[in-house]
Amino acid sequence: MKCQEVRSLFSEYYDQELNREIKGSLKKHLALCQECSAEYESFKKALKVLTKLKTVEPKRDYSIKRQS
C-alpha cells in the first residue's frame, strides 16, 4: 500500500469498516511508515477533540441567504 492510499482510508480504519485484507495491509504500512503513523495519530487526536465539542442549535429564525 502507498501512503496516499493509506491516508485516504484513515476514517474507515478508525471506524473499523475495512475488510480483513485491507485492514491488515494498512496496519502493516502504519507499522513500517513513521510518517503515516504520525499522521494517523494526529487524525485520532483531532477526532477526539471534535467529539468533545458541543452541538449548537441555530436560532429558530436563522436562515441562509443564497446568492444568485
PDB file of N, CA and C in Angstrom:
ATOM      1  N   MET A   1       0.836  -1.186   0.000  1.00  0.00           N
ATOM      2  CA  MET A   1       0.000   0.000   0.000  1.00  0.00           C
ATOM      3  C   MET A   1       0.873   1.239   0.000  1.00  0.00           C
ATOM      4  N   LYS A   2       0.428   2.247  -0.736  1.00  0.00           N
ATOM      5  CA  LYS A   2       1.173   3.506  -0.795  1.00  0.00           C
ATOM      6  C   LYS A   2       0.578   4.487   0.208  1.00  0.00           C
ATOM      7  N   CYS A   3       1.391   5.454   0.591  1.00  0.00           N
ATOM      8  CA  CYS A   3       0.998   6.432   1.612  1.00  0.00           C
ATOM      9  C   CYS A   3      -0.321   7.126   1.284  1.00  0.00           C
ATOM     10  N   GLN A   4      -0.490   7.555   0.059  1.00  0.00           N
ATOM     11  CA  GLN A   4      -1.708   8.278  -0.323  1.00  0.00           C
ATOM     12  C   GLN A   4      -2.945   7.400  -0.117  1.00  0.00           C
ATOM     13  N   GLU A   5      -2.855   6.133  -0.478  1.00  0.00           N
ATOM     14  CA  GLU A   5      -3.984   5.213  -0.299  1.00  0.00           C
ATOM     15  C   GLU A   5      -4.262   4.979   1.183  1.00  0.00           C
ATOM     16  N   VAL A   6      -3.206   4.800   1.958  1.00  0.00           N
ATOM     17  CA  VAL A   6      -3.355   4.588   3.400  1.00  0.00           C
ATOM     18  C   VAL A   6      -4.066   5.782   4.034  1.00  0.00           C
ATOM     19  N   ARG A   7      -3.626   6.979   3.697  1.00  0.00           N
ATOM     20  CA  ARG A   7      -4.216   8.186   4.285  1.00  0.00           C
ATOM     21  C   ARG A   7      -5.673   8.358   3.888  1.00  0.00           C
ATOM     22  N   SER A   8      -6.027   7.916   2.702  1.00  0.00           N
ATOM     23  CA  SER A   8      -7.418   8.036   2.264  1.00  0.00           C
ATOM     24  C   SER A   8      -8.335   7.065   3.011  1.00  0.00           C
ATOM     25  N   LEU A   9      -7.743   6.093   3.681  1.00  0.00           N
ATOM     26  CA  LEU A   9      -8.529   5.074   4.400  1.00  0.00           C
ATOM     27  C   LEU A   9      -8.553   5.279   5.915  1.00  0.00           C
ATOM     28  N   PHE A  10      -7.965   6.356   6.418  1.00  0.00           N
ATOM     29  CA  PHE A  10      -7.919   6.584   7.864  1.00  0.00           C
ATOM     30  C   PHE A  10      -9.304   6.518   8.509  1.00  0.00           C
ATOM     31  N   SER A  11     -10.274   7.169   7.914  1.00  0.00           N
ATOM     32  CA  SER A  11     -11.606   7.226   8.504  1.00  0.00           C
ATOM     33  C   SER A  11     -12.228   5.828   8.602  1.00  0.00           C
ATOM     34  N   GLU A  12     -12.161   5.078   7.519  1.00  0.00           N
ATOM     35  CA  GLU A  12     -12.710   3.722   7.524  1.00  0.00           C
ATOM     36  C   GLU A  12     -11.957   2.814   8.489  1.00  0.00           C
ATOM     37  N   TYR A  13     -10.662   3.001   8.578  1.00  0.00           N
ATOM     38  CA  TYR A  13      -9.849   2.214   9.510  1.00  0.00           C
ATOM     39  C   TYR A  13     -10.244   2.530  10.951  1.00  0.00           C
ATOM     40  N   TYR A  14     -10.368   3.792  11.250  1.00  0.00           N
ATOM     41  CA  TYR A  14     -10.747   4.228  12.599  1.00  0.00           C
ATOM     42  C   TYR A  14     -12.127   3.687  12.974  1.00  0.00           C
ATOM     43  N   ASP A  15     -13.049   3.713  12.023  1.00  0.00           N
ATOM     44  CA  ASP A  15     -14.417   3.239  12.262  1.00  0.00           C
ATOM     45  C   ASP A  15     -14.561   1.729  12.119  1.00  0.00           C
ATOM     46  N   GLN A  16     -13.464   1.037  11.880  1.00  0.00           N
ATOM     47  CA  GLN A  16     -13.421  -0.418  11.731  1.00  0.00           C
ATOM     48  C   GLN A  16     -14.367  -0.902  10.631  1.00  0.00           C
ATOM     49  N   GLU A  17     -14.285  -0.236   9.483  1.00  0.00           N
ATOM     50  CA  GLU A  17     -15.151  -0.560   8.355  1.00  0.00           C
ATOM     51  C   GLU A  17     -14.412  -1.253   7.208  1.00  0.00           C
ATOM     52  N   LEU A  18     -13.138  -1.569   7.403  1.00  0.00           N
ATOM     53  CA  LEU A  18     -12.354  -2.196   6.342  1.00  0.00           C
ATOM     54  C   LEU A  18     -12.411  -3.710   6.444  1.00  0.00           C
ATOM     55  N   ASN A  19     -12.329  -4.371   5.285  1.00  0.00           N
ATOM     56  CA  ASN A  19     -12.269  -5.833   5.342  1.00  0.00           C
ATOM     57  C   ASN A  19     -10.908  -6.262   5.888  1.00  0.00           C
ATOM     58  N   ARG A  20     -10.801  -7.493   6.258  1.00  0.00           N
ATOM     59  CA  ARG A  20      -9.613  -8.016   6.936  1.00  0.00           C
ATOM     60  C   ARG A  20      -8.331  -7.813   6.120  1.00  0.00           C
ATOM     61  N   GLU A  21      -8.414  -8.041   4.812  1.00  0.00           N
ATOM     62  CA  GLU A  21      -7.220  -7.929   3.966  1.00  0.00           C
ATOM     63  C   GLU A  21      -6.704  -6.490   3.906  1.00  0.00           C
ATOM     64  N   ILE A  22      -7.592  -5.544   3.656  1.00  0.00           N
ATOM     65  CA  ILE A  22      -7.183  -4.141   3.568  1.00  0.00           C
ATOM     66  C   ILE A  22      -6.720  -3.639   4.934  1.00  0.00           C
ATOM     67  N   LYS A  23      -7.432  -4.027   5.965  1.00  0.00           N
ATOM     68  CA  LYS A  23      -7.046  -3.625   7.328  1.00  0.00           C
ATOM     69  C   LYS A  23      -5.642  -4.132   7.654  1.00  0.00           C
ATOM     70  N   GLY A  24      -5.345  -5.350   7.281  1.00  0.00           N
ATOM     71  CA  GLY A  24      -4.022  -5.920   7.524  1.00  0.00           C
ATOM     72  C   GLY A  24      -2.922  -5.173   6.786  1.00  0.00           C
ATOM     73  N   SER A  25      -3.186  -4.854   5.518  1.00  0.00           N
ATOM     74  CA  SER A  25      -2.208  -4.108   4.718  1.00  0.00           C
ATOM     75  C   SER A  25      -1.974  -2.719   5.290  1.00  0.00           C
ATOM     76  N   LEU A  26      -3.055  -2.070   5.684  1.00  0.00           N
ATOM     77  CA  LEU A  26      -2.933  -0.730   6.251  1.00  0.00           C
ATOM     78  C   LEU A  26      -2.170  -0.772   7.573  1.00  0.00           C
ATOM     79  N   LYS A  27      -2.505  -1.720   8.410  1.00  0.00           N
ATOM     80  CA  LYS A  27      -1.837  -1.865   9.711  1.00  0.00           C
ATOM     81  C   LYS A  27      -0.332  -2.116   9.520  1.00  0.00           C
ATOM     82  N   LYS A  28       0.000  -2.936   8.551  1.00  0.00           N
ATOM     83  CA  LYS A  28       1.407  -3.233   8.261  1.00  0.00           C
ATOM     84  C   LYS A  28       2.121  -1.969   7.789  1.00  0.00           C
ATOM     85  N   HIS A  29       1.460  -1.209   6.925  1.00  0.00           N
ATOM     86  CA  HIS A  29       2.054   0.035   6.428  1.00  0.00           C
ATOM     87  C   HIS A  29       2.303   1.001   7.577  1.00  0.00           C
ATOM     88  N   LEU A  30       1.319   1.141   8.474  1.00  0.00           N
ATOM     89  CA  LEU A  30       1.472   2.052   9.613  1.00  0.00           C
ATOM     90  C   LEU A  30       2.634   1.633  10.518  1.00  0.00           C
ATOM     91  N   ALA A  31       2.854   0.337  10.626  1.00  0.00           N
ATOM     92  CA  ALA A  31       3.955  -0.156  11.454  1.00  0.00           C
ATOM     93  C   ALA A  31       5.316   0.164  10.842  1.00  0.00           C
ATOM     94  N   LEU A  32       5.346   0.275   9.515  1.00  0.00           N
ATOM     95  CA  LEU A  32       6.617   0.493   8.825  1.00  0.00           C
ATOM     96  C   LEU A  32       6.873   1.950   8.436  1.00  0.00           C
ATOM     97  N   CYS A  33       5.817   2.737   8.309  1.00  0.00           N
ATOM     98  CA  CYS A  33       5.955   4.113   7.819  1.00  0.00           C
ATOM     99  C   CYS A  33       5.707   5.098   8.964  1.00  0.00           C
ATOM    100  N   GLN A  34       6.776   5.706   9.432  1.00  0.00           N
ATOM    101  CA  GLN A  34       6.661   6.652  10.552  1.00  0.00           C
ATOM    102  C   GLN A  34       5.816   7.865  10.199  1.00  0.00           C
ATOM    103  N   GLU A  35       5.912   8.316   8.962  1.00  0.00           N
ATOM    104  CA  GLU A  35       5.169   9.498   8.539  1.00  0.00           C
ATOM    105  C   GLU A  35       3.656   9.244   8.569  1.00  0.00           C
ATOM    106  N   CYS A  36       3.222   8.128   8.019  1.00  0.00           N
ATOM    107  CA  CYS A  36       1.791   7.790   8.026  1.00  0.00           C
ATOM    108  C   CYS A  36       1.311   7.481   9.444  1.00  0.00           C
ATOM    109  N   SER A  37       2.150   6.827  10.210  1.00  0.00           N
ATOM    110  CA  SER A  37       1.798   6.516  11.588  1.00  0.00           C
ATOM    111  C   SER A  37       1.575   7.795  12.397  1.00  0.00           C
ATOM    112  N   ALA A  38       2.461   8.752  12.231  1.00  0.00           N
ATOM    113  CA  ALA A  38       2.329  10.031  12.936  1.00  0.00           C
ATOM    114  C   ALA A  38       1.080  10.773  12.466  1.00  0.00           C
ATOM    115  N   GLU A  39       0.803  10.715  11.167  1.00  0.00           N
ATOM    116  CA  GLU A  39      -0.381  11.394  10.644  1.00  0.00           C
ATOM    117  C   GLU A  39      -1.663  10.725  11.160  1.00  0.00           C
ATOM    118  N   TYR A  40      -1.653   9.407  11.266  1.00  0.00           N
ATOM    119  CA  TYR A  40      -2.829   8.703  11.799  1.00  0.00           C
ATOM    120  C   TYR A  40      -3.051   9.068  13.273  1.00  0.00           C
ATOM    121  N   GLU A  41      -1.989   9.195  14.033  1.00  0.00           N
ATOM    122  CA  GLU A  41      -2.119   9.601  15.435  1.00  0.00           C
ATOM    123  C   GLU A  41      -2.705  11.015  15.528  1.00  0.00           C
ATOM    124  N   SER A  42      -2.287  11.901  14.645  1.00  0.00           N
ATOM    125  CA  SER A  42      -2.849  13.254  14.605  1.00  0.00           C
ATOM    126  C   SER A  42      -4.325  13.214  14.224  1.00  0.00           C
ATOM    127  N   PHE A  43      -4.666  12.355  13.283  1.00  0.00           N
ATOM    128  CA  PHE A  43      -6.052  12.163  12.866  1.00  0.00           C
ATOM    129  C   PHE A  43      -6.911  11.734  14.058  1.00  0.00           C
ATOM    130  N   LYS A  44      -6.428  10.766  14.831  1.00  0.00           N
ATOM    131  CA  LYS A  44      -7.185  10.290  16.001  1.00  0.00           C
ATOM    132  C   LYS A  44      -7.340  11.380  17.054  1.00  0.00           C
ATOM    133  N   LYS A  45      -6.287  12.150  17.276  1.00  0.00           N
ATOM    134  CA  LYS A  45      -6.363  13.242  18.251  1.00  0.00           C
ATOM    135  C   LYS A  45      -7.377  14.295  17.811  1.00  0.00           C
ATOM    136  N   ALA A  46      -7.382  14.607  16.534  1.00  0.00           N
ATOM    137  CA  ALA A  46      -8.340  15.596  16.008  1.00  0.00           C
ATOM    138  C   ALA A  46      -9.771  15.109  16.203  1.00  0.00           C
ATOM    139  N   LEU A  47     -10.017  13.837  15.957  1.00  0.00           N
ATOM    140  CA  LEU A  47     -11.361  13.296  16.148  1.00  0.00           C
ATOM    141  C   LEU A  47     -11.779  13.353  17.618  1.00  0.00           C
ATOM    142  N   LYS A  48     -10.854  13.088  18.510  1.00  0.00           N
ATOM    143  CA  LYS A  48     -11.178  13.164  19.940  1.00  0.00           C
ATOM    144  C   LYS A  48     -11.581  14.580  20.328  1.00  0.00           C
ATOM    145  N   VAL A  49     -10.875  15.569  19.815  1.00  0.00           N
ATOM    146  CA  VAL A  49     -11.206  16.970  20.096  1.00  0.00           C
ATOM    147  C   VAL A  49     -12.580  17.310  19.520  1.00  0.00           C
ATOM    148  N   LEU A  50     -12.825  16.892  18.294  1.00  0.00           N
ATOM    149  CA  LEU A  50     -14.102  17.196  17.647  1.00  0.00           C
ATOM    150  C   LEU A  50     -15.285  16.555  18.365  1.00  0.00           C
ATOM    151  N   THR A  51     -15.103  15.362  18.894  1.00  0.00           N
ATOM    152  CA  THR A  51     -16.210  14.690  19.577  1.00  0.00           C
ATOM    153  C   THR A  51     -16.528  15.351  20.912  1.00  0.00           C
ATOM    154  N   LYS A  52     -15.617  16.143  21.427  1.00  0.00           N
ATOM    155  CA  LYS A  52     -15.863  16.837  22.695  1.00  0.00           C
ATOM    156  C   LYS A  52     -16.607  18.161  22.510  1.00  0.00           C
ATOM    157  N   LEU A  53     -16.677  18.634  21.268  1.00  0.00           N
ATOM    158  CA  LEU A  53     -17.379  19.889  21.011  1.00  0.00           C
ATOM    159  C   LEU A  53     -18.880  19.691  21.177  1.00  0.00           C
ATOM    160  N   LYS A  54     -19.521  20.688  21.764  1.00  0.00           N
ATOM    161  CA  LYS A  54     -20.963  20.569  21.916  1.00  0.00           C
ATOM    162  C   LYS A  54     -21.657  21.039  20.642  1.00  0.00           C
ATOM    163  N   THR A  55     -22.824  20.485  20.418  1.00  0.00           N
ATOM    164  CA  THR A  55     -23.620  20.862  19.261  1.00  0.00           C
ATOM    165  C   THR A  55     -24.406  22.118  19.598  1.00  0.00           C
ATOM    166  N   VAL A  56     -24.383  23.058  18.691  1.00  0.00           N
ATOM    167  CA  VAL A  56     -25.101  24.313  18.884  1.00  0.00           C
ATOM    168  C   VAL A  56     -26.251  24.352  17.885  1.00  0.00           C
ATOM    169  N   GLU A  57     -27.442  24.469  18.396  1.00  0.00           N
ATOM    170  CA  GLU A  57     -28.616  24.567  17.534  1.00  0.00           C
ATOM    171  C   GLU A  57     -28.780  26.013  17.082  1.00  0.00           C
ATOM    172  N   PRO A  58     -29.074  26.229  15.804  1.00  0.00           N
ATOM    173  CA  PRO A  58     -29.290  27.602  15.340  1.00  0.00           C
ATOM    174  C   PRO A  58     -30.604  28.158  15.895  1.00  0.00           C
ATOM    175  N   LYS A  59     -30.688  29.460  15.966  1.00  0.00           N
ATOM    176  CA  LYS A  59     -31.917  30.101  16.416  1.00  0.00           C
ATOM    177  C   LYS A  59     -33.036  29.764  15.437  1.00  0.00           C
ATOM    178  N   ARG A  60     -34.254  29.799  15.928  1.00  0.00           N
ATOM    179  CA  ARG A  60     -35.396  29.435  15.096  1.00  0.00           C
ATOM    180  C   ARG A  60     -35.527  30.320  13.870  1.00  0.00           C
ATOM    181  N   ASP A  61     -35.136  31.569  13.968  1.00  0.00           N
ATOM    182  CA  ASP A  61     -35.288  32.486  12.838  1.00  0.00           C
ATOM    183  C   ASP A  61     -34.038  32.542  11.939  1.00  0.00           C
ATOM    184  N   TYR A  62     -33.108  31.656  12.156  1.00  0.00           N
ATOM    185  CA  TYR A  62     -31.887  31.627  11.363  1.00  0.00           C
ATOM    186  C   TYR A  62     -32.202  31.141   9.949  1.00  0.00           C
ATOM    187  N   SER A  63     -31.669  31.817   8.965  1.00  0.00           N
ATOM    188  CA  SER A  63     -31.816  31.358   7.580  1.00  0.00           C
ATOM    189  C   SER A  63     -30.538  31.678   6.805  1.00  0.00           C
ATOM    190  N   ILE A  64     -30.344  30.949   5.759  1.00  0.00           N
ATOM    191  CA  ILE A  64     -29.166  31.136   4.917  1.00  0.00           C
ATOM    192  C   ILE A  64     -29.622  31.875   3.663  1.00  0.00           C
ATOM    193  N   LYS A  65     -28.986  32.985   3.391  1.00  0.00           N
ATOM    194  CA  LYS A  65     -29.299  33.735   2.178  1.00  0.00           C
ATOM    195  C   LYS A  65     -28.457  33.187   1.027  1.00  0.00           C
ATOM    196  N   ARG A  66     -29.119  32.858  -0.038  1.00  0.00           N
ATOM    197  CA  ARG A  66     -28.411  32.334  -1.207  1.00  0.00           C
ATOM    198  C   ARG A  66     -28.174  33.454  -2.197  1.00  0.00           C
ATOM    199  N   GLN A  67     -26.989  33.418  -2.781  1.00  0.00           N
ATOM    200  CA  GLN A  67     -26.659  34.403  -3.804  1.00  0.00           C
ATOM    201  C   GLN A  67     -26.938  33.806  -5.169  1.00  0.00           C
ATOM    202  N   SER A  68     -27.478  34.605  -6.058  1.00  0.00           N
ATOM    203  CA  SER A  68     -27.800  34.124  -7.410  1.00  0.00           C
ATOM    204  C   SER A  68     -26.614  34.217  -8.328  1.00  0.00           C
TER     205      SER A  68
END
